[in-house]
């Protein structure tokens, strides 16, 4: 096995890696794989506070069960 020590620009490495993934996994599974590395957006802590406020886990579970019963 030969070790490749050529330093390529990161953009080229990314392009080659995506090409390999597309060949081996297909478009859908490549997209699914890449999505797990997405940083997302927004501020989860602020959004959680806005949605749940001071609710306890028991409060949240009770609300879920109430909604499921409807």
PDB file of N, CA and C in Angstrom:
ATOM      1  N   UNK A   1       0.842  -1.183   0.000  1.00  0.00           N
ATOM      2  CA  UNK A   1       0.000   0.000   0.000  1.00  0.00           C
ATOM      3  C   UNK A   1       0.885   1.243   0.000  1.00  0.00           C
ATOM      4  N   UNK A   2       0.595   2.177  -0.875  1.00  0.00           N
ATOM      5  CA  UNK A   2       1.345   3.408  -0.971  1.00  0.00           C
ATOM      6  C   UNK A   2       0.604   4.513  -0.241  1.00  0.00           C
ATOM      7  N   UNK A   3       1.329   5.284   0.543  1.00  0.00           N
ATOM      8  CA  UNK A   3       0.742   6.402   1.265  1.00  0.00           C
ATOM      9  C   UNK A   3       0.894   7.655   0.413  1.00  0.00           C
ATOM     10  N   UNK A   4      -0.220   8.348   0.186  1.00  0.00           N
ATOM     11  CA  UNK A   4      -0.212   9.578  -0.596  1.00  0.00           C
ATOM     12  C   UNK A   4      -0.032  10.758   0.351  1.00  0.00           C
ATOM     13  N   UNK A   5       1.091  11.457   0.200  1.00  0.00           N
ATOM     14  CA  UNK A   5       1.350  12.599   1.084  1.00  0.00           C
ATOM     15  C   UNK A   5       1.180  13.934   0.361  1.00  0.00           C
ATOM     16  N   UNK A   6       0.565  13.876  -0.833  1.00  0.00           N
ATOM     17  CA  UNK A   6       0.317  15.096  -1.588  1.00  0.00           C
ATOM     18  C   UNK A   6      -0.667  15.980  -0.818  1.00  0.00           C
ATOM     19  N   UNK A   7      -0.322  17.232  -0.671  1.00  0.00           N
ATOM     20  CA  UNK A   7      -1.214  18.182   0.002  1.00  0.00           C
ATOM     21  C   UNK A   7      -2.072  18.872  -1.043  1.00  0.00           C
ATOM     22  N   UNK A   8      -3.364  18.629  -0.981  1.00  0.00           N
ATOM     23  CA  UNK A   8      -4.314  19.241  -1.908  1.00  0.00           C
ATOM     24  C   UNK A   8      -5.115  20.291  -1.162  1.00  0.00           C
ATOM     25  N   UNK A   9      -5.646  21.255  -1.883  1.00  0.00           N
ATOM     26  CA  UNK A   9      -6.550  22.220  -1.237  1.00  0.00           C
ATOM     27  C   UNK A   9      -7.778  21.492  -0.684  1.00  0.00           C
ATOM     28  N   UNK A  10      -8.285  21.977   0.421  1.00  0.00           N
ATOM     29  CA  UNK A  10      -9.429  21.350   1.069  1.00  0.00           C
ATOM     30  C   UNK A  10     -10.635  21.263   0.134  1.00  0.00           C
ATOM     31  N   UNK A  11     -10.841  22.261  -0.702  1.00  0.00           N
ATOM     32  CA  UNK A  11     -11.970  22.232  -1.636  1.00  0.00           C
ATOM     33  C   UNK A  11     -11.863  21.054  -2.594  1.00  0.00           C
ATOM     34  N   UNK A  12     -10.656  20.737  -3.037  1.00  0.00           N
ATOM     35  CA  UNK A  12     -10.439  19.605  -3.953  1.00  0.00           C
ATOM     36  C   UNK A  12     -10.672  18.293  -3.218  1.00  0.00           C
ATOM     37  N   UNK A  13     -10.170  18.189  -1.993  1.00  0.00           N
ATOM     38  CA  UNK A  13     -10.374  16.979  -1.190  1.00  0.00           C
ATOM     39  C   UNK A  13     -11.864  16.750  -0.971  1.00  0.00           C
ATOM     40  N   UNK A  14     -12.586  17.800  -0.642  1.00  0.00           N
ATOM     41  CA  UNK A  14     -14.031  17.697  -0.417  1.00  0.00           C
ATOM     42  C   UNK A  14     -14.739  17.231  -1.675  1.00  0.00           C
ATOM     43  N   UNK A  15     -14.387  17.810  -2.811  1.00  0.00           N
ATOM     44  CA  UNK A  15     -15.008  17.428  -4.087  1.00  0.00           C
ATOM     45  C   UNK A  15     -14.744  15.949  -4.396  1.00  0.00           C
ATOM     46  N   UNK A  16     -13.511  15.515  -4.212  1.00  0.00           N
ATOM     47  CA  UNK A  16     -13.167  14.112  -4.478  1.00  0.00           C
ATOM     48  C   UNK A  16     -13.898  13.176  -3.519  1.00  0.00           C
ATOM     49  N   UNK A  17     -13.987  13.568  -2.252  1.00  0.00           N
ATOM     50  CA  UNK A  17     -14.672  12.734  -1.263  1.00  0.00           C
ATOM     51  C   UNK A  17     -16.152  12.599  -1.590  1.00  0.00           C
ATOM     52  N   UNK A  18     -16.777  13.695  -1.977  1.00  0.00           N
ATOM     53  CA  UNK A  18     -18.200  13.647  -2.334  1.00  0.00           C
ATOM     54  C   UNK A  18     -18.406  12.779  -3.571  1.00  0.00           C
ATOM     55  N   UNK A  19     -17.503  12.887  -4.548  1.00  0.00           N
ATOM     56  CA  UNK A  19     -17.596  12.027  -5.737  1.00  0.00           C
ATOM     57  C   UNK A  19     -17.531  10.551  -5.350  1.00  0.00           C
ATOM     58  N   UNK A  20     -16.636  10.202  -4.447  1.00  0.00           N
ATOM     59  CA  UNK A  20     -16.508   8.806  -4.000  1.00  0.00           C
ATOM     60  C   UNK A  20     -17.775   8.368  -3.277  1.00  0.00           C
ATOM     61  N   UNK A  21     -18.277   9.228  -2.385  1.00  0.00           N
ATOM     62  CA  UNK A  21     -19.516   8.890  -1.675  1.00  0.00           C
ATOM     63  C   UNK A  21     -20.672   8.697  -2.642  1.00  0.00           C
ATOM     64  N   UNK A  22     -20.785   9.565  -3.629  1.00  0.00           N
ATOM     65  CA  UNK A  22     -21.856   9.438  -4.616  1.00  0.00           C
ATOM     66  C   UNK A  22     -21.760   8.112  -5.360  1.00  0.00           C
ATOM     67  N   UNK A  23     -20.555   7.719  -5.727  1.00  0.00           N
ATOM     68  CA  UNK A  23     -20.362   6.458  -6.440  1.00  0.00           C
ATOM     69  C   UNK A  23     -20.718   5.259  -5.570  1.00  0.00           C
ATOM     70  N   UNK A  24     -20.326   5.303  -4.319  1.00  0.00           N
ATOM     71  CA  UNK A  24     -20.516   4.148  -3.421  1.00  0.00           C
ATOM     72  C   UNK A  24     -21.883   4.108  -2.757  1.00  0.00           C
ATOM     73  N   UNK A  25     -22.432   5.286  -2.422  1.00  0.00           N
ATOM     74  CA  UNK A  25     -23.669   5.328  -1.644  1.00  0.00           C
ATOM     75  C   UNK A  25     -24.884   5.788  -2.436  1.00  0.00           C
ATOM     76  N   UNK A  26     -24.672   6.502  -3.520  1.00  0.00           N
ATOM     77  CA  UNK A  26     -25.782   7.106  -4.250  1.00  0.00           C
ATOM     78  C   UNK A  26     -26.085   8.483  -3.686  1.00  0.00           C
ATOM     79  N   UNK A  27     -26.914   9.227  -4.418  1.00  0.00           N
ATOM     80  CA  UNK A  27     -27.183  10.617  -4.061  1.00  0.00           C
ATOM     81  C   UNK A  27     -27.924  10.762  -2.735  1.00  0.00           C
ATOM     82  N   UNK A  28     -28.956   9.959  -2.534  1.00  0.00           N
ATOM     83  CA  UNK A  28     -29.783  10.102  -1.332  1.00  0.00           C
ATOM     84  C   UNK A  28     -28.981   9.794  -0.077  1.00  0.00           C
ATOM     85  N   UNK A  29     -28.266   8.676  -0.079  1.00  0.00           N
ATOM     86  CA  UNK A  29     -27.498   8.304   1.117  1.00  0.00           C
ATOM     87  C   UNK A  29     -26.301   9.212   1.335  1.00  0.00           C
ATOM     88  N   UNK A  30     -25.729   9.748   0.256  1.00  0.00           N
ATOM     89  CA  UNK A  30     -24.658  10.737   0.416  1.00  0.00           C
ATOM     90  C   UNK A  30     -25.204  11.980   1.104  1.00  0.00           C
ATOM     91  N   UNK A  31     -26.368  12.445   0.672  1.00  0.00           N
ATOM     92  CA  UNK A  31     -26.982  13.619   1.300  1.00  0.00           C
ATOM     93  C   UNK A  31     -27.283  13.351   2.767  1.00  0.00           C
ATOM     94  N   UNK A  32     -27.811  12.172   3.051  1.00  0.00           N
ATOM     95  CA  UNK A  32     -28.111  11.824   4.457  1.00  0.00           C
ATOM     96  C   UNK A  32     -26.842  11.809   5.295  1.00  0.00           C
ATOM     97  N   UNK A  33     -25.773  11.251   4.734  1.00  0.00           N
ATOM     98  CA  UNK A  33     -24.501  11.193   5.446  1.00  0.00           C
ATOM     99  C   UNK A  33     -23.974  12.599   5.727  1.00  0.00           C
ATOM    100  N   UNK A  34     -23.977  13.452   4.704  1.00  0.00           N
ATOM    101  CA  UNK A  34     -23.437  14.804   4.865  1.00  0.00           C
ATOM    102  C   UNK A  34     -24.270  15.653   5.810  1.00  0.00           C
ATOM    103  N   UNK A  35     -25.579  15.422   5.852  1.00  0.00           N
ATOM    104  CA  UNK A  35     -26.449  16.206   6.732  1.00  0.00           C
ATOM    105  C   UNK A  35     -26.130  16.015   8.204  1.00  0.00           C
ATOM    106  N   UNK A  36     -25.553  14.892   8.570  1.00  0.00           N
ATOM    107  CA  UNK A  36     -25.252  14.689   9.994  1.00  0.00           C
ATOM    108  C   UNK A  36     -24.142  15.616  10.479  1.00  0.00           C
ATOM    109  N   UNK A  37     -23.410  16.239   9.557  1.00  0.00           N
ATOM    110  CA  UNK A  37     -22.332  17.145   9.935  1.00  0.00           C
ATOM    111  C   UNK A  37     -22.741  18.603   9.876  1.00  0.00           C
ATOM    112  N   UNK A  38     -23.998  18.867   9.573  1.00  0.00           N
ATOM    113  CA  UNK A  38     -24.484  20.235   9.493  1.00  0.00           C
ATOM    114  C   UNK A  38     -24.513  20.854  10.882  1.00  0.00           C
ATOM    115  N   UNK A  39     -24.032  22.065  10.964  1.00  0.00           N
ATOM    116  CA  UNK A  39     -24.013  22.759  12.255  1.00  0.00           C
ATOM    117  C   UNK A  39     -25.394  23.286  12.635  1.00  0.00           C
ATOM    118  N   UNK A  40     -26.290  23.310  11.674  1.00  0.00           N
ATOM    119  CA  UNK A  40     -27.616  23.834  11.961  1.00  0.00           C
ATOM    120  C   UNK A  40     -27.583  25.343  12.076  1.00  0.00           C
ATOM    121  N   UNK A  41     -28.619  25.894  12.666  1.00  0.00           N
ATOM    122  CA  UNK A  41     -28.705  27.339  12.788  1.00  0.00           C
ATOM    123  C   UNK A  41     -29.548  27.665  14.013  1.00  0.00           C
ATOM    124  N   UNK A  42     -29.499  28.904  14.399  1.00  0.00           N
ATOM    125  CA  UNK A  42     -30.279  29.336  15.551  1.00  0.00           C
ATOM    126  C   UNK A  42     -29.558  29.064  16.865  1.00  0.00           C
ATOM    127  N   UNK A  43     -30.244  29.356  17.947  1.00  0.00           N
ATOM    128  CA  UNK A  43     -29.697  29.158  19.279  1.00  0.00           C
ATOM    129  C   UNK A  43     -30.630  28.209  20.015  1.00  0.00           C
ATOM    130  N   UNK A  44     -30.211  26.952  20.134  1.00  0.00           N
ATOM    131  CA  UNK A  44     -31.069  25.937  20.728  1.00  0.00           C
ATOM    132  C   UNK A  44     -31.498  26.312  22.142  1.00  0.00           C
ATOM    133  N   UNK A  45     -30.581  26.842  22.936  1.00  0.00           N
ATOM    134  CA  UNK A  45     -30.912  27.165  24.326  1.00  0.00           C
ATOM    135  C   UNK A  45     -32.019  28.225  24.393  1.00  0.00           C
ATOM    136  N   UNK A  46     -31.915  29.252  23.558  1.00  0.00           N
ATOM    137  CA  UNK A  46     -32.947  30.301  23.542  1.00  0.00           C
ATOM    138  C   UNK A  46     -34.275  29.749  23.042  1.00  0.00           C
ATOM    139  N   UNK A  47     -34.218  28.929  21.988  1.00  0.00           N
ATOM    140  CA  UNK A  47     -35.446  28.350  21.433  1.00  0.00           C
ATOM    141  C   UNK A  47     -36.109  27.399  22.432  1.00  0.00           C
ATOM    142  N   UNK A  48     -35.312  26.619  23.123  1.00  0.00           N
ATOM    143  CA  UNK A  48     -35.844  25.695  24.135  1.00  0.00           C
ATOM    144  C   UNK A  48     -36.541  26.476  25.240  1.00  0.00           C
ATOM    145  N   UNK A  49     -35.931  27.561  25.671  1.00  0.00           N
ATOM    146  CA  UNK A  49     -36.519  28.396  26.725  1.00  0.00           C
ATOM    147  C   UNK A  49     -37.831  29.016  26.247  1.00  0.00           C
ATOM    148  N   UNK A  50     -37.852  29.464  25.002  1.00  0.00           N
ATOM    149  CA  UNK A  50     -39.052  30.071  24.432  1.00  0.00           C
ATOM    150  C   UNK A  50     -40.193  29.056  24.350  1.00  0.00           C
ATOM    151  N   UNK A  51     -39.888  27.835  23.931  1.00  0.00           N
ATOM    152  CA  UNK A  51     -40.924  26.813  23.743  1.00  0.00           C
ATOM    153  C   UNK A  51     -41.358  26.196  25.066  1.00  0.00           C
ATOM    154  N   UNK A  52     -40.389  25.834  25.904  1.00  0.00           N
ATOM    155  CA  UNK A  52     -40.708  25.058  27.102  1.00  0.00           C
ATOM    156  C   UNK A  52     -40.682  25.861  28.396  1.00  0.00           C
ATOM    157  N   UNK A  53     -40.057  27.029  28.374  1.00  0.00           N
ATOM    158  CA  UNK A  53     -40.014  27.859  29.579  1.00  0.00           C
ATOM    159  C   UNK A  53     -39.521  27.086  30.788  1.00  0.00           C
ATOM    160  N   UNK A  54     -40.296  27.112  31.835  1.00  0.00           N
ATOM    161  CA  UNK A  54     -39.903  26.440  33.087  1.00  0.00           C
ATOM    162  C   UNK A  54     -40.594  25.083  33.250  1.00  0.00           C
ATOM    163  N   UNK A  55     -41.089  24.528  32.149  1.00  0.00           N
ATOM    164  CA  UNK A  55     -41.781  23.236  32.223  1.00  0.00           C
ATOM    165  C   UNK A  55     -40.810  22.133  32.654  1.00  0.00           C
ATOM    166  N   UNK A  56     -41.325  21.208  33.455  1.00  0.00           N
ATOM    167  CA  UNK A  56     -40.539  20.041  33.827  1.00  0.00           C
ATOM    168  C   UNK A  56     -40.740  18.956  32.777  1.00  0.00           C
ATOM    169  N   UNK A  57     -39.937  17.919  32.846  1.00  0.00           N
ATOM    170  CA  UNK A  57     -40.103  16.795  31.933  1.00  0.00           C
ATOM    171  C   UNK A  57     -41.483  16.180  32.101  1.00  0.00           C
ATOM    172  N   UNK A  58     -41.948  16.068  33.331  1.00  0.00           N
ATOM    173  CA  UNK A  58     -43.295  15.526  33.577  1.00  0.00           C
ATOM    174  C   UNK A  58     -44.373  16.398  32.926  1.00  0.00           C
ATOM    175  N   UNK A  59     -44.210  17.721  32.974  1.00  0.00           N
ATOM    176  CA  UNK A  59     -45.159  18.625  32.311  1.00  0.00           C
ATOM    177  C   UNK A  59     -45.191  18.364  30.811  1.00  0.00           C
ATOM    178  N   UNK A  60     -44.023  18.208  30.222  1.00  0.00           N
ATOM    179  CA  UNK A  60     -43.923  17.982  28.781  1.00  0.00           C
ATOM    180  C   UNK A  60     -44.568  16.657  28.399  1.00  0.00           C
ATOM    181  N   UNK A  61     -44.300  15.611  29.164  1.00  0.00           N
ATOM    182  CA  UNK A  61     -44.885  14.290  28.900  1.00  0.00           C
ATOM    183  C   UNK A  61     -46.407  14.350  29.021  1.00  0.00           C
ATOM    184  N   UNK A  62     -46.902  15.038  30.047  1.00  0.00           N
ATOM    185  CA  UNK A  62     -48.352  15.184  30.221  1.00  0.00           C
ATOM    186  C   UNK A  62     -48.965  15.895  29.026  1.00  0.00           C
ATOM    187  N   UNK A  63     -48.326  16.960  28.536  1.00  0.00           N
ATOM    188  CA  UNK A  63     -48.831  17.676  27.363  1.00  0.00           C
ATOM    189  C   UNK A  63     -48.839  16.794  26.114  1.00  0.00           C
ATOM    190  N   UNK A  64     -47.803  16.000  25.943  1.00  0.00           N
ATOM    191  CA  UNK A  64     -47.736  15.092  24.791  1.00  0.00           C
ATOM    192  C   UNK A  64     -48.877  14.080  24.854  1.00  0.00           C
ATOM    193  N   UNK A  65     -49.076  13.488  26.019  1.00  0.00           N
ATOM    194  CA  UNK A  65     -50.162  12.501  26.173  1.00  0.00           C
ATOM    195  C   UNK A  65     -51.518  13.150  25.948  1.00  0.00           C
ATOM    196  N   UNK A  66     -51.690  14.371  26.422  1.00  0.00           N
ATOM    197  CA  UNK A  66     -52.948  15.090  26.226  1.00  0.00           C
ATOM    198  C   UNK A  66     -53.192  15.326  24.739  1.00  0.00           C
ATOM    199  N   UNK A  67     -52.182  15.720  23.998  1.00  0.00           N
ATOM    200  CA  UNK A  67     -52.325  15.963  22.561  1.00  0.00           C
ATOM    201  C   UNK A  67     -52.602  14.671  21.791  1.00  0.00           C
ATOM    202  N   UNK A  68     -51.991  13.572  22.234  1.00  0.00           N
ATOM    203  CA  UNK A  68     -52.204  12.290  21.567  1.00  0.00           C
ATOM    204  C   UNK A  68     -53.636  11.782  21.773  1.00  0.00           C
ATOM    205  N   UNK A  69     -54.232  12.152  22.895  1.00  0.00           N
ATOM    206  CA  UNK A  69     -55.593  11.698  23.213  1.00  0.00           C
ATOM    207  C   UNK A  69     -56.644  12.424  22.397  1.00  0.00           C
ATOM    208  N   UNK A  70     -56.297  13.544  21.825  1.00  0.00           N
ATOM    209  CA  UNK A  70     -57.263  14.364  21.065  1.00  0.00           C
ATOM    210  C   UNK A  70     -57.539  13.750  19.723  1.00  0.00           C
TER     211      UNK A  70
END
